């Protein structure tokens, strides 16, 4: 910021401070570490060897609950095979196509990296152990201009649910609206260019005659003119020769 002001400070009229995006993150804290998951499995009487099957069943329940509203309202549920397109752009296109201005727009599904659990046999203890590491699992992005979650539209929110244990829920609120940083900078540059063009076009040619009549009726300028007149008269009297005396003749 300081380097920008150092370079363009002369053209900056002011600076507005505020949030651009707010991120919220929710997680089941009791399941967010290996010992917590171990207590959970003991309480449910689930052997470590059956954790994979149990995890898939719970994940399916989360997916079904997350997609229920979209299916009931006929909203699109789209699976993304790659990250070629930004989810915000896809959601905007879906909203424009279906004429959606409120409520859920749709759900975007993708497989992305996340932190989750895996059961492996330890080469040291020869027992099954819980490992918390990076894996890949299904992410659900609930898109909507308002309500429980969403993206796009002014003050939009994106709610992304990670469907494997410990089920992280990540939300993003776009405080500054739908425009990206690049779009806002481009708009500012365009407005600055228009202002500079207007300023350049408003410059008058340097001609003293254009000032004629600019101070007509100005009391302050009348005083200035009067003082100037007095000074000129005093100077004129000082340089004029006295009457009755002839100038000295030079031989």
C-alpha atoms as a PDB file:
ATOM      1  CA  UNK A   1       0.000   0.000   0.000  1.00  0.00           C
ATOM      2  CA  UNK A   2       2.771   2.445   0.925  1.00  0.00           C
ATOM      3  CA  UNK A   3       4.672   1.750  -2.299  1.00  0.00           C
ATOM      4  CA  UNK A   4       1.486   2.391  -4.307  1.00  0.00           C
ATOM      5  CA  UNK A   5       0.909   5.727  -2.539  1.00  0.00           C
ATOM      6  CA  UNK A   6       4.550   6.679  -3.021  1.00  0.00           C
ATOM      7  CA  UNK A   7       4.146   6.227  -6.774  1.00  0.00           C
ATOM      8  CA  UNK A   8       0.584   7.444  -7.339  1.00  0.00           C
ATOM      9  CA  UNK A   9      -0.007   9.606  -4.252  1.00  0.00           C
ATOM     10  CA  UNK A  10      -0.503  12.760  -6.303  1.00  0.00           C
ATOM     11  CA  UNK A  11      -3.539  11.212  -8.011  1.00  0.00           C
ATOM     12  CA  UNK A  12      -5.058   9.671  -4.847  1.00  0.00           C
ATOM     13  CA  UNK A  13      -7.968  11.614  -3.349  1.00  0.00           C
ATOM     14  CA  UNK A  14      -8.485   9.305  -0.382  1.00  0.00           C
ATOM     15  CA  UNK A  15      -8.204   5.766   0.926  1.00  0.00           C
ATOM     16  CA  UNK A  16     -11.079   3.524   2.025  1.00  0.00           C
ATOM     17  CA  UNK A  17     -10.305   0.711   4.449  1.00  0.00           C
ATOM     18  CA  UNK A  18     -12.542  -2.333   4.835  1.00  0.00           C
ATOM     19  CA  UNK A  19     -12.935  -6.068   4.486  1.00  0.00           C
ATOM     20  CA  UNK A  20     -12.839  -7.576   1.009  1.00  0.00           C
ATOM     21  CA  UNK A  21     -13.798 -11.135   1.942  1.00  0.00           C
ATOM     22  CA  UNK A  22     -14.556 -12.837   5.233  1.00  0.00           C
ATOM     23  CA  UNK A  23     -13.841 -16.523   5.748  1.00  0.00           C
ATOM     24  CA  UNK A  24     -15.596 -18.679   8.312  1.00  0.00           C
ATOM     25  CA  UNK A  25     -14.589 -22.193   9.231  1.00  0.00           C
ATOM     26  CA  UNK A  26     -16.523 -24.680  11.320  1.00  0.00           C
ATOM     27  CA  UNK A  27     -15.340 -28.104  12.439  1.00  0.00           C
ATOM     28  CA  UNK A  28     -16.322 -30.877  14.863  1.00  0.00           C
ATOM     29  CA  UNK A  29     -13.504 -30.257  17.317  1.00  0.00           C
ATOM     30  CA  UNK A  30     -13.943 -33.543  19.167  1.00  0.00           C
ATOM     31  CA  UNK A  31     -13.169 -35.337  15.895  1.00  0.00           C
ATOM     32  CA  UNK A  32     -10.412 -33.028  14.674  1.00  0.00           C
ATOM     33  CA  UNK A  33      -7.538 -35.048  16.139  1.00  0.00           C
ATOM     34  CA  UNK A  34      -6.574 -38.709  16.278  1.00  0.00           C
ATOM     35  CA  UNK A  35      -7.285 -39.232  19.969  1.00  0.00           C
ATOM     36  CA  UNK A  36     -10.727 -37.643  19.605  1.00  0.00           C
ATOM     37  CA  UNK A  37     -11.640 -40.000  16.770  1.00  0.00           C
ATOM     38  CA  UNK A  38     -10.362 -42.920  18.829  1.00  0.00           C
ATOM     39  CA  UNK A  39     -12.729 -42.017  21.697  1.00  0.00           C
ATOM     40  CA  UNK A  40     -15.573 -41.684  19.179  1.00  0.00           C
ATOM     41  CA  UNK A  41     -14.964 -45.168  17.778  1.00  0.00           C
ATOM     42  CA  UNK A  42     -14.732 -46.656  21.280  1.00  0.00           C
ATOM     43  CA  UNK A  43     -18.025 -44.985  22.256  1.00  0.00           C
ATOM     44  CA  UNK A  44     -19.707 -46.351  19.098  1.00  0.00           C
ATOM     45  CA  UNK A  45     -18.070 -49.786  19.596  1.00  0.00           C
ATOM     46  CA  UNK A  46     -16.589 -49.643  16.117  1.00  0.00           C
ATOM     47  CA  UNK A  47     -13.310 -51.581  15.623  1.00  0.00           C
ATOM     48  CA  UNK A  48     -10.491 -49.772  13.846  1.00  0.00           C
ATOM     49  CA  UNK A  49     -10.679 -52.259  11.003  1.00  0.00           C
ATOM     50  CA  UNK A  50     -14.294 -51.187  10.312  1.00  0.00           C
ATOM     51  CA  UNK A  51     -13.545 -47.451  10.321  1.00  0.00           C
ATOM     52  CA  UNK A  52     -13.405 -47.242   6.511  1.00  0.00           C
ATOM     53  CA  UNK A  53     -16.881 -48.723   6.059  1.00  0.00           C
ATOM     54  CA  UNK A  54     -18.339 -46.597   8.861  1.00  0.00           C
ATOM     55  CA  UNK A  55     -16.763 -43.447   7.420  1.00  0.00           C
ATOM     56  CA  UNK A  56     -18.306 -44.101   4.007  1.00  0.00           C
ATOM     57  CA  UNK A  57     -21.757 -44.595   5.557  1.00  0.00           C
ATOM     58  CA  UNK A  58     -21.555 -41.347   7.530  1.00  0.00           C
ATOM     59  CA  UNK A  59     -20.231 -39.480   4.496  1.00  0.00           C
ATOM     60  CA  UNK A  60     -23.175 -40.706   2.419  1.00  0.00           C
ATOM     61  CA  UNK A  61     -25.584 -39.421   5.078  1.00  0.00           C
ATOM     62  CA  UNK A  62     -23.934 -35.994   4.972  1.00  0.00           C
ATOM     63  CA  UNK A  63     -24.103 -35.896   1.167  1.00  0.00           C
ATOM     64  CA  UNK A  64     -27.777 -36.917   1.093  1.00  0.00           C
ATOM     65  CA  UNK A  65     -28.722 -34.291   3.692  1.00  0.00           C
ATOM     66  CA  UNK A  66     -26.778 -31.594   1.844  1.00  0.00           C
ATOM     67  CA  UNK A  67     -28.377 -32.372  -1.537  1.00  0.00           C
ATOM     68  CA  UNK A  68     -31.930 -32.891  -0.271  1.00  0.00           C
ATOM     69  CA  UNK A  69     -33.045 -29.277  -0.618  1.00  0.00           C
ATOM     70  CA  UNK A  70     -31.545 -28.959  -4.112  1.00  0.00           C
ATOM     71  CA  UNK A  71     -33.388 -32.066  -5.267  1.00  0.00           C
ATOM     72  CA  UNK A  72     -36.671 -30.984  -3.711  1.00  0.00           C
ATOM     73  CA  UNK A  73     -36.521 -27.555  -5.379  1.00  0.00           C
ATOM     74  CA  UNK A  74     -35.235 -28.827  -8.712  1.00  0.00           C
ATOM     75  CA  UNK A  75     -31.929 -26.991  -8.541  1.00  0.00           C
ATOM     76  CA  UNK A  76     -28.975 -28.185 -10.576  1.00  0.00           C
ATOM     77  CA  UNK A  77     -26.407 -30.500  -8.999  1.00  0.00           C
ATOM     78  CA  UNK A  78     -23.263 -30.458 -11.113  1.00  0.00           C
ATOM     79  CA  UNK A  79     -20.110 -32.538 -10.717  1.00  0.00           C
ATOM     80  CA  UNK A  80     -16.906 -30.750 -11.741  1.00  0.00           C
ATOM     81  CA  UNK A  81     -14.261 -32.946 -13.356  1.00  0.00           C
ATOM     82  CA  UNK A  82     -11.559 -30.266 -13.177  1.00  0.00           C
ATOM     83  CA  UNK A  83     -10.750 -26.845 -11.780  1.00  0.00           C
ATOM     84  CA  UNK A  84     -10.669 -25.285 -15.253  1.00  0.00           C
ATOM     85  CA  UNK A  85     -13.575 -22.939 -14.461  1.00  0.00           C
ATOM     86  CA  UNK A  86     -14.064 -20.807 -11.369  1.00  0.00           C
ATOM     87  CA  UNK A  87     -17.027 -21.886  -9.278  1.00  0.00           C
ATOM     88  CA  UNK A  88     -18.173 -18.258  -8.917  1.00  0.00           C
ATOM     89  CA  UNK A  89     -18.454 -17.923 -12.697  1.00  0.00           C
ATOM     90  CA  UNK A  90     -20.363 -21.199 -12.999  1.00  0.00           C
ATOM     91  CA  UNK A  91     -22.807 -20.159 -10.280  1.00  0.00           C
ATOM     92  CA  UNK A  92     -23.410 -16.791 -11.948  1.00  0.00           C
ATOM     93  CA  UNK A  93     -24.163 -18.535 -15.231  1.00  0.00           C
ATOM     94  CA  UNK A  94     -26.564 -20.931 -13.506  1.00  0.00           C
ATOM     95  CA  UNK A  95     -28.381 -18.067 -11.783  1.00  0.00           C
ATOM     96  CA  UNK A  96     -28.661 -16.070 -15.013  1.00  0.00           C
ATOM     97  CA  UNK A  97     -29.872 -19.094 -16.980  1.00  0.00           C
ATOM     98  CA  UNK A  98     -32.570 -20.060 -14.487  1.00  0.00           C
ATOM     99  CA  UNK A  99     -33.505 -16.504 -13.465  1.00  0.00           C
ATOM    100  CA  UNK A 100     -32.689 -17.134  -9.783  1.00  0.00           C
ATOM    101  CA  UNK A 101     -32.491 -14.049  -7.558  1.00  0.00           C
ATOM    102  CA  UNK A 102     -33.050 -15.652  -4.153  1.00  0.00           C
ATOM    103  CA  UNK A 103     -32.671 -18.984  -2.445  1.00  0.00           C
ATOM    104  CA  UNK A 104     -30.439 -21.822  -3.516  1.00  0.00           C
ATOM    105  CA  UNK A 105     -28.908 -21.606  -7.001  1.00  0.00           C
ATOM    106  CA  UNK A 106     -27.430 -25.091  -7.103  1.00  0.00           C
ATOM    107  CA  UNK A 107     -24.738 -27.377  -5.761  1.00  0.00           C
ATOM    108  CA  UNK A 108     -21.296 -27.895  -7.266  1.00  0.00           C
ATOM    109  CA  UNK A 109     -19.464 -31.136  -6.449  1.00  0.00           C
ATOM    110  CA  UNK A 110     -15.721 -31.672  -6.757  1.00  0.00           C
ATOM    111  CA  UNK A 111     -12.997 -33.913  -5.361  1.00  0.00           C
ATOM    112  CA  UNK A 112     -10.309 -31.816  -3.661  1.00  0.00           C
ATOM    113  CA  UNK A 113      -7.604 -32.150  -1.050  1.00  0.00           C
ATOM    114  CA  UNK A 114      -8.475 -32.075   2.640  1.00  0.00           C
ATOM    115  CA  UNK A 115      -7.241 -33.245   6.021  1.00  0.00           C
ATOM    116  CA  UNK A 116      -8.852 -36.477   7.175  1.00  0.00           C
ATOM    117  CA  UNK A 117      -8.128 -39.822   8.825  1.00  0.00           C
ATOM    118  CA  UNK A 118      -6.807 -43.156   7.638  1.00  0.00           C
ATOM    119  CA  UNK A 119      -6.182 -46.433   9.486  1.00  0.00           C
ATOM    120  CA  UNK A 120      -2.825 -48.113   8.912  1.00  0.00           C
ATOM    121  CA  UNK A 121      -0.918 -50.902  10.547  1.00  0.00           C
ATOM    122  CA  UNK A 122       2.152 -49.731  12.433  1.00  0.00           C
ATOM    123  CA  UNK A 123       5.383 -51.500  11.514  1.00  0.00           C
ATOM    124  CA  UNK A 124       6.604 -50.873  15.057  1.00  0.00           C
ATOM    125  CA  UNK A 125       3.661 -51.929  17.235  1.00  0.00           C
ATOM    126  CA  UNK A 126       2.072 -54.255  14.664  1.00  0.00           C
ATOM    127  CA  UNK A 127      -1.317 -52.697  15.603  1.00  0.00           C
ATOM    128  CA  UNK A 128      -3.793 -50.570  13.672  1.00  0.00           C
ATOM    129  CA  UNK A 129      -3.311 -46.834  14.280  1.00  0.00           C
ATOM    130  CA  UNK A 130      -5.190 -43.682  13.359  1.00  0.00           C
ATOM    131  CA  UNK A 131      -3.304 -41.222  11.147  1.00  0.00           C
ATOM    132  CA  UNK A 132      -4.444 -37.650  10.454  1.00  0.00           C
ATOM    133  CA  UNK A 133      -3.088 -36.663   7.058  1.00  0.00           C
ATOM    134  CA  UNK A 134      -3.896 -35.033   3.756  1.00  0.00           C
ATOM    135  CA  UNK A 135      -6.327 -36.927   1.566  1.00  0.00           C
ATOM    136  CA  UNK A 136      -8.889 -36.300  -1.166  1.00  0.00           C
ATOM    137  CA  UNK A 137     -12.623 -36.343  -0.659  1.00  0.00           C
ATOM    138  CA  UNK A 138     -15.869 -34.920  -2.026  1.00  0.00           C
ATOM    139  CA  UNK A 139     -16.530 -31.192  -1.520  1.00  0.00           C
ATOM    140  CA  UNK A 140     -20.018 -29.706  -1.866  1.00  0.00           C
ATOM    141  CA  UNK A 141     -20.368 -25.992  -2.652  1.00  0.00           C
ATOM    142  CA  UNK A 142     -23.853 -24.679  -1.944  1.00  0.00           C
ATOM    143  CA  UNK A 143     -24.389 -21.684  -4.208  1.00  0.00           C
ATOM    144  CA  UNK A 144     -26.885 -18.983  -3.434  1.00  0.00           C
ATOM    145  CA  UNK A 145     -27.205 -15.205  -3.142  1.00  0.00           C
ATOM    146  CA  UNK A 146     -28.641 -15.415   0.366  1.00  0.00           C
ATOM    147  CA  UNK A 147     -29.686 -17.822   3.062  1.00  0.00           C
ATOM    148  CA  UNK A 148     -27.595 -20.521   4.704  1.00  0.00           C
ATOM    149  CA  UNK A 149     -24.844 -20.280   2.119  1.00  0.00           C
ATOM    150  CA  UNK A 150     -23.907 -19.429  -1.392  1.00  0.00           C
ATOM    151  CA  UNK A 151     -21.726 -17.438  -3.738  1.00  0.00           C
ATOM    152  CA  UNK A 152     -22.175 -14.759  -6.370  1.00  0.00           C
ATOM    153  CA  UNK A 153     -24.438 -11.704  -6.263  1.00  0.00           C
ATOM    154  CA  UNK A 154     -23.808  -8.772  -3.928  1.00  0.00           C
ATOM    155  CA  UNK A 155     -22.766  -9.819  -0.435  1.00  0.00           C
ATOM    156  CA  UNK A 156     -22.738 -13.435  -1.582  1.00  0.00           C
ATOM    157  CA  UNK A 157     -21.558 -16.337   0.486  1.00  0.00           C
ATOM    158  CA  UNK A 158     -20.028 -19.653  -0.459  1.00  0.00           C
ATOM    159  CA  UNK A 159     -20.529 -22.610   1.845  1.00  0.00           C
ATOM    160  CA  UNK A 160     -18.277 -25.564   1.081  1.00  0.00           C
ATOM    161  CA  UNK A 161     -18.877 -28.786   3.009  1.00  0.00           C
ATOM    162  CA  UNK A 162     -16.082 -31.345   3.207  1.00  0.00           C
ATOM    163  CA  UNK A 163     -17.953 -34.624   3.381  1.00  0.00           C
ATOM    164  CA  UNK A 164     -15.403 -36.793   5.186  1.00  0.00           C
ATOM    165  CA  UNK A 165     -14.583 -36.853   8.892  1.00  0.00           C
ATOM    166  CA  UNK A 166     -14.125 -34.359  10.619  1.00  0.00           C
ATOM    167  CA  UNK A 167     -16.623 -32.634   8.266  1.00  0.00           C
ATOM    168  CA  UNK A 168     -15.204 -29.125   7.874  1.00  0.00           C
ATOM    169  CA  UNK A 169     -17.646 -26.399   6.816  1.00  0.00           C
ATOM    170  CA  UNK A 170     -15.972 -23.417   5.146  1.00  0.00           C
ATOM    171  CA  UNK A 171     -17.837 -20.207   4.359  1.00  0.00           C
ATOM    172  CA  UNK A 172     -16.775 -17.170   2.353  1.00  0.00           C
ATOM    173  CA  UNK A 173     -18.574 -13.835   2.437  1.00  0.00           C
ATOM    174  CA  UNK A 174     -17.773 -11.411  -0.374  1.00  0.00           C
ATOM    175  CA  UNK A 175     -18.218  -8.105   1.415  1.00  0.00           C
ATOM    176  CA  UNK A 176     -17.201  -6.000  -1.584  1.00  0.00           C
ATOM    177  CA  UNK A 177     -19.739  -7.637  -3.881  1.00  0.00           C
ATOM    178  CA  UNK A 178     -19.454  -9.899  -6.877  1.00  0.00           C
ATOM    179  CA  UNK A 179     -16.601  -8.168  -8.671  1.00  0.00           C
ATOM    180  CA  UNK A 180     -13.164  -9.700  -8.364  1.00  0.00           C
ATOM    181  CA  UNK A 181     -10.146  -7.626  -7.399  1.00  0.00           C
ATOM    182  CA  UNK A 182      -9.006  -7.519 -11.028  1.00  0.00           C
ATOM    183  CA  UNK A 183     -12.436  -6.280 -12.161  1.00  0.00           C
ATOM    184  CA  UNK A 184     -12.526  -3.558  -9.517  1.00  0.00           C
ATOM    185  CA  UNK A 185      -8.994  -2.382 -10.357  1.00  0.00           C
ATOM    186  CA  UNK A 186      -9.904  -2.283 -14.058  1.00  0.00           C
ATOM    187  CA  UNK A 187     -12.998  -0.193 -13.279  1.00  0.00           C
ATOM    188  CA  UNK A 188     -10.938   2.226 -11.159  1.00  0.00           C
ATOM    189  CA  UNK A 189      -8.329   2.565 -13.895  1.00  0.00           C
ATOM    190  CA  UNK A 190     -11.060   3.319 -16.423  1.00  0.00           C
ATOM    191  CA  UNK A 191     -12.584   6.009 -14.204  1.00  0.00           C
ATOM    192  CA  UNK A 192      -9.139   7.511 -13.540  1.00  0.00           C
ATOM    193  CA  UNK A 193      -8.486   7.632 -17.290  1.00  0.00           C
ATOM    194  CA  UNK A 194     -11.788   9.470 -17.861  1.00  0.00           C
ATOM    195  CA  UNK A 195     -10.961  11.999 -15.120  1.00  0.00           C
ATOM    196  CA  UNK A 196      -7.508  12.649 -16.553  1.00  0.00           C
ATOM    197  CA  UNK A 197      -8.985  13.067 -20.036  1.00  0.00           C
ATOM    198  CA  UNK A 198     -11.559  15.572 -18.768  1.00  0.00           C
ATOM    199  CA  UNK A 199      -8.859  17.460 -16.898  1.00  0.00           C
ATOM    200  CA  UNK A 200      -6.652  17.618 -19.971  1.00  0.00           C
ATOM    201  CA  UNK A 201      -9.547  18.748 -22.162  1.00  0.00           C
ATOM    202  CA  UNK A 202     -10.512  21.543 -19.781  1.00  0.00           C
ATOM    203  CA  UNK A 203      -7.140  23.352 -19.984  1.00  0.00           C
ATOM    204  CA  UNK A 204      -7.433  26.821 -21.531  1.00  0.00           C
ATOM    205  CA  UNK A 205      -4.831  28.308 -23.871  1.00  0.00           C
ATOM    206  CA  UNK A 206      -2.533  30.860 -22.205  1.00  0.00           C
ATOM    207  CA  UNK A 207      -4.024  34.206 -23.285  1.00  0.00           C
ATOM    208  CA  UNK A 208      -4.221  37.225 -20.941  1.00  0.00           C
ATOM    209  CA  UNK A 209      -7.334  38.461 -22.749  1.00  0.00           C
ATOM    210  CA  UNK A 210      -9.282  35.532 -21.296  1.00  0.00           C
ATOM    211  CA  UNK A 211      -8.975  37.147 -17.832  1.00  0.00           C
ATOM    212  CA  UNK A 212     -10.796  40.309 -18.939  1.00  0.00           C
ATOM    213  CA  UNK A 213     -13.868  40.879 -16.798  1.00  0.00           C
ATOM    214  CA  UNK A 214     -13.025  37.996 -14.432  1.00  0.00           C
ATOM    215  CA  UNK A 215     -12.978  40.339 -11.374  1.00  0.00           C
ATOM    216  CA  UNK A 216     -15.853  42.647 -12.264  1.00  0.00           C
ATOM    217  CA  UNK A 217     -17.782  43.602  -9.132  1.00  0.00           C
ATOM    218  CA  UNK A 218     -15.256  42.050  -6.737  1.00  0.00           C
ATOM    219  CA  UNK A 219     -14.858  44.336  -3.684  1.00  0.00           C
ATOM    220  CA  UNK A 220     -11.470  42.925  -2.785  1.00  0.00           C
ATOM    221  CA  UNK A 221     -10.123  43.507  -6.261  1.00  0.00           C
ATOM    222  CA  UNK A 222     -11.520  47.072  -6.163  1.00  0.00           C
ATOM    223  CA  UNK A 223      -9.357  47.729  -3.097  1.00  0.00           C
ATOM    224  CA  UNK A 224      -6.351  46.210  -4.847  1.00  0.00           C
ATOM    225  CA  UNK A 225      -6.939  48.387  -7.907  1.00  0.00           C
ATOM    226  CA  UNK A 226      -7.321  51.517  -5.743  1.00  0.00           C
ATOM    227  CA  UNK A 227      -4.077  50.837  -3.891  1.00  0.00           C
ATOM    228  CA  UNK A 228      -2.337  50.242  -7.179  1.00  0.00           C
ATOM    229  CA  UNK A 229      -3.651  53.547  -8.541  1.00  0.00           C
ATOM    230  CA  UNK A 230      -2.307  55.402  -5.493  1.00  0.00           C
ATOM    231  CA  UNK A 231       1.114  53.818  -5.896  1.00  0.00           C
ATOM    232  CA  UNK A 232       1.258  54.754  -9.573  1.00  0.00           C
ATOM    233  CA  UNK A 233       0.288  58.385  -8.870  1.00  0.00           C
ATOM    234  CA  UNK A 234       2.922  58.646  -6.145  1.00  0.00           C
ATOM    235  CA  UNK A 235       5.572  57.281  -8.481  1.00  0.00           C
ATOM    236  CA  UNK A 236       4.482  59.669 -11.232  1.00  0.00           C
ATOM    237  CA  UNK A 237       4.776  62.721  -8.954  1.00  0.00           C
ATOM    238  CA  UNK A 238       8.165  61.618  -7.744  1.00  0.00           C
ATOM    239  CA  UNK A 239       9.683  61.440 -11.210  1.00  0.00           C
ATOM    240  CA  UNK A 240       8.056  64.670 -12.583  1.00  0.00           C
ATOM    241  CA  UNK A 241      10.294  67.841 -12.418  1.00  0.00           C
ATOM    242  CA  UNK A 242       9.182  70.687 -10.128  1.00  0.00           C
ATOM    243  CA  UNK A 243       7.398  73.623 -11.842  1.00  0.00           C
ATOM    244  CA  UNK A 244       9.337  76.968 -12.183  1.00  0.00           C
ATOM    245  CA  UNK A 245      12.724  75.367 -12.327  1.00  0.00           C
ATOM    246  CA  UNK A 246      14.533  74.797 -15.538  1.00  0.00           C
ATOM    247  CA  UNK A 247      16.712  71.834 -15.964  1.00  0.00           C
ATOM    248  CA  UNK A 248      20.456  72.475 -15.616  1.00  0.00           C
ATOM    249  CA  UNK A 249      22.299  73.095 -18.844  1.00  0.00           C
ATOM    250  CA  UNK A 250      25.278  70.985 -19.545  1.00  0.00           C
ATOM    251  CA  UNK A 251      28.340  72.515 -21.214  1.00  0.00           C
END
